N, C-alpha and C. Protein backbone atom coordinates (compact mmCIF):
# COMPACT_ATOMS: atom_id res chain seq x y z
N HIS A 1 105.48 79.23 108.08
CA HIS A 1 106.94 79.15 108.10
C HIS A 1 107.47 79.99 109.26
N VAL A 2 108.55 79.52 109.86
CA VAL A 2 109.18 80.21 110.99
C VAL A 2 110.63 80.50 110.64
N ARG A 3 111.07 81.70 110.96
CA ARG A 3 112.47 82.08 110.76
C ARG A 3 113.14 82.22 112.13
N LEU A 4 114.34 81.68 112.24
CA LEU A 4 115.08 81.70 113.50
C LEU A 4 116.42 82.38 113.29
N VAL A 5 116.75 83.29 114.19
CA VAL A 5 118.03 84.00 114.11
C VAL A 5 118.72 83.95 115.47
N GLU A 6 119.90 83.35 115.51
CA GLU A 6 120.67 83.25 116.74
C GLU A 6 121.61 84.45 116.87
N SER A 7 121.92 84.77 118.11
CA SER A 7 122.92 85.80 118.40
C SER A 7 123.52 85.54 119.76
N GLY A 8 124.61 86.22 120.05
CA GLY A 8 125.21 86.14 121.37
C GLY A 8 126.47 85.32 121.46
N GLY A 9 126.86 84.68 120.37
CA GLY A 9 128.09 83.91 120.40
C GLY A 9 129.31 84.79 120.48
N GLY A 10 130.44 84.17 120.72
CA GLY A 10 131.69 84.92 120.80
C GLY A 10 132.75 84.08 121.47
N GLU A 11 133.83 84.74 121.85
CA GLU A 11 134.92 84.06 122.52
C GLU A 11 134.90 84.40 124.01
N VAL A 12 135.09 83.39 124.82
CA VAL A 12 135.08 83.56 126.26
C VAL A 12 136.12 82.64 126.86
N GLN A 13 136.64 83.00 128.01
CA GLN A 13 137.62 82.15 128.67
C GLN A 13 136.95 81.04 129.45
N THR A 14 137.69 80.00 129.70
CA THR A 14 137.22 78.88 130.49
C THR A 14 136.66 79.38 131.82
N GLY A 15 135.48 78.87 132.16
CA GLY A 15 134.82 79.30 133.39
C GLY A 15 133.90 80.48 133.22
N GLY A 16 133.93 81.09 132.07
CA GLY A 16 133.11 82.26 131.81
C GLY A 16 131.69 81.90 131.43
N SER A 17 130.92 82.94 131.09
CA SER A 17 129.51 82.77 130.75
C SER A 17 129.17 83.50 129.46
N LEU A 18 128.16 82.98 128.78
CA LEU A 18 127.58 83.64 127.62
C LEU A 18 126.09 83.36 127.62
N ARG A 19 125.32 84.26 127.04
CA ARG A 19 123.90 84.00 126.84
C ARG A 19 123.59 84.10 125.35
N LEU A 20 123.10 83.01 124.81
CA LEU A 20 122.68 82.99 123.42
C LEU A 20 121.20 83.31 123.33
N SER A 21 120.83 83.97 122.25
CA SER A 21 119.42 84.30 122.00
C SER A 21 119.00 83.71 120.67
N CYS A 22 117.75 83.34 120.57
CA CYS A 22 117.18 82.86 119.31
C CYS A 22 115.85 83.58 119.13
N ALA A 23 115.80 84.46 118.17
CA ALA A 23 114.59 85.22 117.89
C ALA A 23 113.79 84.53 116.80
N ALA A 24 112.54 84.25 117.08
CA ALA A 24 111.67 83.60 116.12
C ALA A 24 110.72 84.62 115.50
N SER A 25 110.46 84.46 114.22
CA SER A 25 109.50 85.32 113.53
C SER A 25 108.72 84.48 112.53
N GLY A 26 107.62 85.02 112.07
CA GLY A 26 106.75 84.28 111.16
C GLY A 26 105.59 83.65 111.93
N LEU A 27 105.26 82.42 111.60
CA LEU A 27 104.11 81.73 112.20
C LEU A 27 104.49 81.13 113.55
N THR A 28 104.87 81.98 114.49
CA THR A 28 105.37 81.49 115.77
C THR A 28 104.27 80.85 116.62
N LEU A 29 103.01 81.16 116.33
CA LEU A 29 101.92 80.54 117.10
C LEU A 29 101.86 79.04 116.87
N MET A 30 102.47 78.58 115.80
CA MET A 30 102.44 77.15 115.48
C MET A 30 103.56 76.38 116.18
N ILE A 31 104.50 77.06 116.79
CA ILE A 31 105.65 76.38 117.38
C ILE A 31 105.21 75.50 118.55
N GLY A 32 105.75 74.30 118.59
CA GLY A 32 105.49 73.40 119.70
C GLY A 32 106.69 73.28 120.62
N THR A 33 107.83 72.97 120.04
CA THR A 33 109.07 72.79 120.80
C THR A 33 110.19 73.54 120.11
N MET A 34 111.04 74.17 120.92
CA MET A 34 112.26 74.77 120.40
C MET A 34 113.44 74.14 121.12
N GLY A 35 114.56 74.11 120.44
CA GLY A 35 115.73 73.47 121.02
C GLY A 35 117.02 74.14 120.60
N TRP A 36 118.05 73.86 121.38
CA TRP A 36 119.40 74.28 121.04
C TRP A 36 120.24 73.05 120.75
N PHE A 37 121.03 73.16 119.71
CA PHE A 37 121.95 72.11 119.29
C PHE A 37 123.34 72.73 119.16
N ARG A 38 124.33 71.87 119.10
CA ARG A 38 125.67 72.37 118.82
C ARG A 38 126.42 71.34 117.99
N GLN A 39 127.40 71.85 117.27
CA GLN A 39 128.25 70.99 116.46
C GLN A 39 129.67 71.50 116.54
N ALA A 40 130.52 70.69 117.12
CA ALA A 40 131.94 71.03 117.23
C ALA A 40 132.66 70.62 115.95
N PRO A 41 133.79 71.22 115.66
CA PRO A 41 134.54 70.88 114.44
C PRO A 41 134.82 69.38 114.36
N GLY A 42 134.45 68.78 113.25
CA GLY A 42 134.73 67.37 113.02
C GLY A 42 133.84 66.41 113.78
N GLN A 43 132.82 66.94 114.43
CA GLN A 43 131.92 66.09 115.22
C GLN A 43 130.49 66.21 114.73
N GLY A 44 129.66 65.30 115.17
CA GLY A 44 128.26 65.32 114.81
C GLY A 44 127.49 66.35 115.62
N ARG A 45 126.27 66.57 115.23
CA ARG A 45 125.41 67.53 115.92
C ARG A 45 124.87 66.92 117.21
N GLU A 46 124.88 67.71 118.24
CA GLU A 46 124.43 67.27 119.56
C GLU A 46 123.24 68.11 120.01
N SER A 47 122.20 67.46 120.46
CA SER A 47 121.05 68.16 121.04
C SER A 47 121.39 68.46 122.49
N ILE A 48 121.24 69.71 122.92
CA ILE A 48 121.66 70.03 124.27
C ILE A 48 120.53 70.52 125.17
N ALA A 49 119.47 71.07 124.62
CA ALA A 49 118.37 71.54 125.46
C ALA A 49 117.14 71.79 124.62
N SER A 50 115.98 71.64 125.23
CA SER A 50 114.74 71.94 124.53
C SER A 50 113.74 72.52 125.51
N ILE A 51 112.75 73.22 124.95
CA ILE A 51 111.74 73.86 125.77
C ILE A 51 110.40 73.80 125.07
N SER A 52 109.35 73.55 125.85
CA SER A 52 108.00 73.57 125.32
C SER A 52 107.56 75.02 125.14
N TRP A 53 107.07 75.32 123.96
CA TRP A 53 106.70 76.70 123.67
C TRP A 53 105.50 77.16 124.49
N SER A 54 104.62 76.25 124.79
CA SER A 54 103.40 76.63 125.51
C SER A 54 103.54 76.53 127.02
N GLY A 55 104.10 75.45 127.49
CA GLY A 55 104.12 75.23 128.92
C GLY A 55 105.42 75.57 129.61
N GLY A 56 106.47 75.72 128.83
CA GLY A 56 107.74 76.11 129.42
C GLY A 56 108.54 74.98 130.02
N GLY A 57 108.08 73.73 129.90
CA GLY A 57 108.88 72.62 130.39
C GLY A 57 110.18 72.53 129.63
N THR A 58 111.24 72.03 130.28
CA THR A 58 112.54 71.97 129.65
C THR A 58 113.21 70.62 129.85
N VAL A 59 114.15 70.34 128.98
CA VAL A 59 115.00 69.15 129.08
C VAL A 59 116.41 69.58 128.70
N SER A 60 117.40 69.06 129.41
CA SER A 60 118.79 69.37 129.09
C SER A 60 119.60 68.09 129.00
N ALA A 61 120.59 68.10 128.15
CA ALA A 61 121.49 66.96 128.02
C ALA A 61 122.39 66.86 129.25
N ASP A 62 122.83 65.66 129.55
CA ASP A 62 123.70 65.45 130.71
C ASP A 62 124.99 66.26 130.60
N SER A 63 125.44 66.46 129.38
CA SER A 63 126.71 67.16 129.17
C SER A 63 126.67 68.63 129.60
N VAL A 64 125.47 69.19 129.69
CA VAL A 64 125.35 70.61 130.04
C VAL A 64 124.49 70.84 131.27
N LYS A 65 123.93 69.79 131.83
CA LYS A 65 123.02 69.93 132.96
C LYS A 65 123.74 70.57 134.14
N GLY A 66 123.09 71.55 134.73
CA GLY A 66 123.70 72.26 135.85
C GLY A 66 124.55 73.44 135.42
N ARG A 67 124.86 73.53 134.15
CA ARG A 67 125.67 74.65 133.63
C ARG A 67 124.89 75.51 132.65
N PHE A 68 124.08 74.89 131.82
CA PHE A 68 123.32 75.61 130.80
C PHE A 68 121.85 75.61 131.18
N THR A 69 121.16 76.71 130.90
CA THR A 69 119.73 76.83 131.17
C THR A 69 119.02 77.40 129.96
N ILE A 70 117.99 76.70 129.52
CA ILE A 70 117.18 77.19 128.40
C ILE A 70 115.94 77.88 128.99
N SER A 71 115.57 78.98 128.39
CA SER A 71 114.39 79.71 128.85
C SER A 71 113.77 80.43 127.66
N ARG A 72 112.60 80.99 127.89
CA ARG A 72 111.93 81.70 126.81
C ARG A 72 111.29 82.98 127.30
N ALA A 73 111.21 83.93 126.42
CA ALA A 73 110.46 85.15 126.67
C ALA A 73 109.35 85.16 125.64
N SER A 74 108.20 84.66 126.01
CA SER A 74 107.14 84.43 125.03
C SER A 74 106.67 85.73 124.39
N ALA A 75 106.68 86.81 125.14
CA ALA A 75 106.22 88.07 124.57
C ALA A 75 107.13 88.55 123.44
N GLN A 76 108.38 88.13 123.49
CA GLN A 76 109.33 88.53 122.45
C GLN A 76 109.62 87.41 121.47
N ASP A 77 108.92 86.28 121.61
CA ASP A 77 109.19 85.12 120.74
C ASP A 77 110.68 84.80 120.69
N THR A 78 111.28 84.76 121.84
CA THR A 78 112.72 84.55 121.93
C THR A 78 113.03 83.44 122.92
N VAL A 79 113.98 82.62 122.57
CA VAL A 79 114.47 81.57 123.47
C VAL A 79 115.93 81.87 123.77
N TYR A 80 116.32 81.64 125.00
CA TYR A 80 117.68 81.92 125.44
C TYR A 80 118.38 80.64 125.86
N LEU A 81 119.69 80.67 125.79
CA LEU A 81 120.52 79.62 126.37
C LEU A 81 121.59 80.30 127.21
N GLN A 82 121.39 80.25 128.52
CA GLN A 82 122.38 80.80 129.44
C GLN A 82 123.44 79.74 129.69
N MET A 83 124.68 80.06 129.38
CA MET A 83 125.77 79.09 129.50
C MET A 83 126.76 79.59 130.53
N ASN A 84 126.91 78.84 131.60
CA ASN A 84 127.84 79.19 132.67
C ASN A 84 128.92 78.12 132.80
N SER A 85 129.96 78.45 133.48
CA SER A 85 131.07 77.51 133.73
C SER A 85 131.52 76.85 132.43
N LEU A 86 131.76 77.66 131.43
CA LEU A 86 132.09 77.12 130.11
C LEU A 86 133.44 76.42 130.11
N LYS A 87 133.49 75.35 129.33
CA LYS A 87 134.69 74.53 129.20
C LYS A 87 135.15 74.57 127.74
N SER A 88 136.39 74.17 127.52
CA SER A 88 136.91 74.17 126.16
C SER A 88 136.08 73.25 125.26
N GLU A 89 135.57 72.18 125.82
CA GLU A 89 134.77 71.24 125.01
C GLU A 89 133.40 71.79 124.64
N ASP A 90 133.04 72.95 125.14
CA ASP A 90 131.80 73.60 124.73
C ASP A 90 131.98 74.40 123.45
N THR A 91 133.21 74.51 122.98
CA THR A 91 133.45 75.22 121.73
C THR A 91 132.73 74.54 120.57
N ALA A 92 131.89 75.29 119.88
CA ALA A 92 131.07 74.72 118.81
C ALA A 92 130.25 75.82 118.15
N ASN A 93 129.66 75.47 117.03
CA ASN A 93 128.59 76.29 116.47
C ASN A 93 127.29 75.88 117.16
N TYR A 94 126.55 76.86 117.62
CA TYR A 94 125.30 76.60 118.33
C TYR A 94 124.13 77.00 117.45
N TYR A 95 123.18 76.09 117.32
CA TYR A 95 122.03 76.30 116.45
C TYR A 95 120.73 76.23 117.26
N CYS A 96 119.81 77.05 116.85
CA CYS A 96 118.46 77.04 117.39
C CYS A 96 117.57 76.34 116.36
N ALA A 97 116.60 75.57 116.83
CA ALA A 97 115.68 74.87 115.93
C ALA A 97 114.29 74.83 116.55
N ALA A 98 113.30 74.59 115.70
CA ALA A 98 111.91 74.54 116.18
C ALA A 98 111.10 73.58 115.33
N LYS A 99 110.01 73.12 115.91
CA LYS A 99 109.06 72.33 115.15
C LYS A 99 107.65 72.76 115.54
N ASP A 100 106.74 72.55 114.61
CA ASP A 100 105.36 72.94 114.82
C ASP A 100 104.61 71.94 115.69
N TYR A 101 103.62 72.43 116.40
CA TYR A 101 102.58 71.66 117.09
C TYR A 101 103.04 70.87 118.31
N TYR A 102 104.03 70.03 118.16
CA TYR A 102 104.34 69.06 119.21
C TYR A 102 105.20 69.69 120.31
N ASP A 103 104.59 69.87 121.47
CA ASP A 103 105.35 70.43 122.60
C ASP A 103 105.82 69.30 123.51
N ASP A 104 106.38 68.28 122.88
CA ASP A 104 106.79 67.07 123.59
C ASP A 104 108.23 67.11 124.09
N LEU A 105 108.91 68.22 123.86
CA LEU A 105 110.31 68.44 124.26
C LEU A 105 111.30 67.56 123.49
N SER A 106 110.79 66.72 122.60
CA SER A 106 111.70 65.92 121.79
C SER A 106 112.35 66.81 120.73
N THR A 107 113.65 66.60 120.53
CA THR A 107 114.35 67.38 119.51
C THR A 107 114.45 66.64 118.18
N ASN A 108 113.69 65.57 118.06
CA ASN A 108 113.61 64.87 116.77
C ASN A 108 112.72 65.66 115.82
N ASN A 109 113.04 65.56 114.55
CA ASN A 109 112.18 66.10 113.50
C ASN A 109 111.97 67.60 113.59
N MET A 110 113.01 68.33 113.97
CA MET A 110 112.93 69.78 113.94
C MET A 110 112.80 70.24 112.50
N THR A 111 111.93 71.20 112.30
CA THR A 111 111.61 71.66 110.95
C THR A 111 112.39 72.91 110.56
N TYR A 112 112.53 73.82 111.51
CA TYR A 112 113.13 75.12 111.22
C TYR A 112 114.47 75.24 111.94
N TRP A 113 115.44 75.81 111.24
CA TRP A 113 116.78 75.93 111.78
C TRP A 113 117.33 77.34 111.54
N GLY A 114 118.07 77.83 112.53
CA GLY A 114 118.81 79.05 112.32
C GLY A 114 120.14 78.75 111.68
N LYS A 115 120.92 79.79 111.41
CA LYS A 115 122.21 79.61 110.74
C LYS A 115 123.34 79.38 111.71
N GLY A 116 123.09 79.58 112.98
CA GLY A 116 124.08 79.27 113.99
C GLY A 116 124.88 80.47 114.46
N THR A 117 125.46 80.31 115.64
CA THR A 117 126.35 81.31 116.20
C THR A 117 127.52 80.57 116.85
N LEU A 118 128.72 81.07 116.63
CA LEU A 118 129.93 80.37 117.07
C LEU A 118 130.30 80.76 118.49
N VAL A 119 130.54 79.74 119.30
CA VAL A 119 131.04 79.94 120.66
C VAL A 119 132.42 79.31 120.75
N THR A 120 133.38 80.10 121.19
CA THR A 120 134.74 79.62 121.34
C THR A 120 135.16 79.83 122.78
N VAL A 121 135.56 78.75 123.44
CA VAL A 121 136.00 78.82 124.83
C VAL A 121 137.49 78.56 124.85
N SER A 122 138.23 79.54 125.32
CA SER A 122 139.69 79.44 125.30
C SER A 122 140.22 79.42 126.73
N SER A 123 141.37 78.78 126.88
CA SER A 123 141.98 78.68 128.22
C SER A 123 142.96 79.80 128.45
């Protein structure tokens, strides 16, 4: 079992930056892919970035490409989401998720989820 805890959310003005962290604990050696998702009020969940736990390959959604960067610090079992040039439409709860074994960068079938951290972008 893997436990995920997000941090780093908060309120920021349009154009600002935030860095989210996701600390993993438990059977982290089994992790294959980790990802970041978000859900805005009244909207469905959106997959925004993923990273291979072993090789470090990444994928980002078009909506955040060029603005958001996913990375990992393997020694600390932590994944980050650096968010730059934030827009009001980035306001959402941001969730970290992981799945065992498959480092295919696909965000389907994530097994473990954090409780989320709220990001609010104000003008």
